[in-house]
C-alpha atoms as a PDB file:
ATOM      1  CA  MET A   1      -8.808 -12.454   0.172  1.00  0.00           C
ATOM      2  CA  SER A   2      -9.456 -10.821  -3.165  1.00  0.00           C
ATOM      3  CA  SER A   3      -9.094  -7.124  -3.835  1.00  0.00           C
ATOM      4  CA  THR A   4     -12.837  -6.627  -4.085  1.00  0.00           C
ATOM      5  CA  THR A   5     -13.473  -8.316  -0.744  1.00  0.00           C
ATOM      6  CA  GLY A   6     -10.821  -6.178   0.939  1.00  0.00           C
ATOM      7  CA  LEU A   7     -12.313  -3.066  -0.593  1.00  0.00           C
ATOM      8  CA  ILE A   8     -15.812  -3.917   0.632  1.00  0.00           C
ATOM      9  CA  LEU A   9     -14.581  -4.791   4.132  1.00  0.00           C
ATOM     10  CA  SER A  10     -12.532  -1.587   4.355  1.00  0.00           C
ATOM     11  CA  TYR A  11     -15.520   0.536   3.368  1.00  0.00           C
ATOM     12  CA  ALA A  12     -17.753  -1.385   5.795  1.00  0.00           C
ATOM     13  CA  ILE A  13     -15.379  -0.851   8.723  1.00  0.00           C
ATOM     14  CA  GLY A  14     -15.091   2.851   7.883  1.00  0.00           C
ATOM     15  CA  ILE A  15     -18.853   3.232   7.687  1.00  0.00           C
ATOM     16  CA  ILE A  16     -19.337   1.373  10.977  1.00  0.00           C
ATOM     17  CA  PHE A  17     -16.876   3.684  12.754  1.00  0.00           C
ATOM     18  CA  ALA A  18     -18.382   6.839  11.219  1.00  0.00           C
ATOM     19  CA  VAL A  19     -21.976   5.861  12.016  1.00  0.00           C
ATOM     20  CA  GLY A  20     -20.990   4.743  15.511  1.00  0.00           C
ATOM     21  CA  GLY A  21     -19.291   8.075  16.118  1.00  0.00           C
ATOM     22  CA  LEU A  22     -22.389   9.948  14.989  1.00  0.00           C
ATOM     23  CA  LEU A  23     -24.579   7.804  17.232  1.00  0.00           C
ATOM     24  CA  PHE A  24     -22.302   8.500  20.201  1.00  0.00           C
ATOM     25  CA  ILE A  25     -22.514  12.234  19.505  1.00  0.00           C
ATOM     26  CA  LEU A  26     -26.294  12.143  19.176  1.00  0.00           C
ATOM     27  CA  PHE A  27     -27.309   9.797  21.990  1.00  0.00           C
ATOM     28  CA  LEU A  28     -24.723   9.991  24.769  1.00  0.00           C
ATOM     29  CA  ASP A  29     -25.402  12.565  27.463  1.00  0.00           C
ATOM     30  CA  GLU A  30     -22.034  12.963  29.126  1.00  0.00           C
ATOM     31  CA  ARG A  31     -18.741  12.869  27.276  1.00  0.00           C
ATOM     32  CA  ARG A  32     -20.440  12.536  23.916  1.00  0.00           C
ATOM     33  CA  PHE A  33     -17.657  14.377  22.109  1.00  0.00           C
ATOM     34  CA  LEU A  34     -14.919  12.481  23.947  1.00  0.00           C
ATOM     35  CA  PHE A  35     -16.189   9.203  22.488  1.00  0.00           C
ATOM     36  CA  GLY A  36     -17.971  10.365  19.336  1.00  0.00           C
ATOM     37  CA  ILE A  37     -15.401  12.534  17.608  1.00  0.00           C
ATOM     38  CA  PRO A  38     -12.511  10.013  17.628  1.00  0.00           C
ATOM     39  CA  TYR A  39     -14.733   7.273  16.185  1.00  0.00           C
ATOM     40  CA  LEU A  40     -16.125   9.643  13.566  1.00  0.00           C
ATOM     41  CA  VAL A  41     -12.626  10.783  12.562  1.00  0.00           C
ATOM     42  CA  ILE A  42     -11.328   7.199  12.354  1.00  0.00           C
ATOM     43  CA  GLY A  43     -14.259   6.245  10.122  1.00  0.00           C
ATOM     44  CA  LEU A  44     -13.775   9.209   7.822  1.00  0.00           C
ATOM     45  CA  VAL A  45     -10.024   8.580   7.570  1.00  0.00           C
ATOM     46  CA  LEU A  46     -10.649   4.937   6.657  1.00  0.00           C
ATOM     47  CA  ILE A  47     -13.188   5.848   3.985  1.00  0.00           C
ATOM     48  CA  ALA A  48     -10.964   8.582   2.538  1.00  0.00           C
ATOM     49  CA  GLY A  49      -7.960   6.242   2.526  1.00  0.00           C
ATOM     50  CA  VAL A  50      -9.830   3.572   0.613  1.00  0.00           C
ATOM     51  CA  LYS A  51     -11.031   6.151  -1.914  1.00  0.00           C
ATOM     52  CA  ARG A  52      -7.502   7.499  -2.415  1.00  0.00           C
ATOM     53  CA  SER A  53      -6.038   4.042  -2.831  1.00  0.00           C
ATOM     54  CA  GLN A  54      -8.586   3.273  -5.546  1.00  0.00           C
ATOM     55  CA  ARG A  55      -7.881   6.516  -7.364  1.00  0.00           C
ATOM     56  CA  ARG A  56      -4.115   5.884  -7.531  1.00  0.00           C
ATOM     57  CA  ARG A  57      -4.409   2.375  -8.935  1.00  0.00           C
ATOM     58  CA  PRO A  58      -4.164   2.296 -12.750  1.00  0.00           C
ATOM     59  CA  PRO A  59      -6.858   0.388 -14.616  1.00  0.00           C
ATOM     60  CA  PRO A  60      -5.941  -3.160 -15.683  1.00  0.00           C
ATOM     61  CA  GLY A  61      -3.930  -3.240 -18.893  1.00  0.00           C
ATOM     62  CA  ASP A  62      -2.818   0.399 -18.578  1.00  0.00           C
ATOM     63  CA  GLU A  63       0.709  -0.191 -17.275  1.00  0.00           C
ATOM     64  CA  ASP A  64       3.669   1.983 -18.214  1.00  0.00           C
ATOM     65  CA  THR A  65       5.608  -0.896 -19.739  1.00  0.00           C
ATOM     66  CA  PRO A  66       4.910  -1.390 -23.433  1.00  0.00           C
ATOM     67  CA  SER A  67       4.022  -4.908 -24.496  1.00  0.00           C
ATOM     68  CA  HIS A  68       6.004  -6.288 -27.430  1.00  0.00           C
END
């Protein structure tokens, strides 16, 4: 699996969890927060983790080792 595919799948899974959590909060009558908040938090953590991992990665060709 390429890096781009993994990135897209990670974002997609995070979005699915976050949207699912919001839908649970909005449409469940009983125990909406018991089911909705954990899914929402998992989705947001996944999305934030993917964003942080992309920010830490140096751009291609910008390594610390000088090329001779």
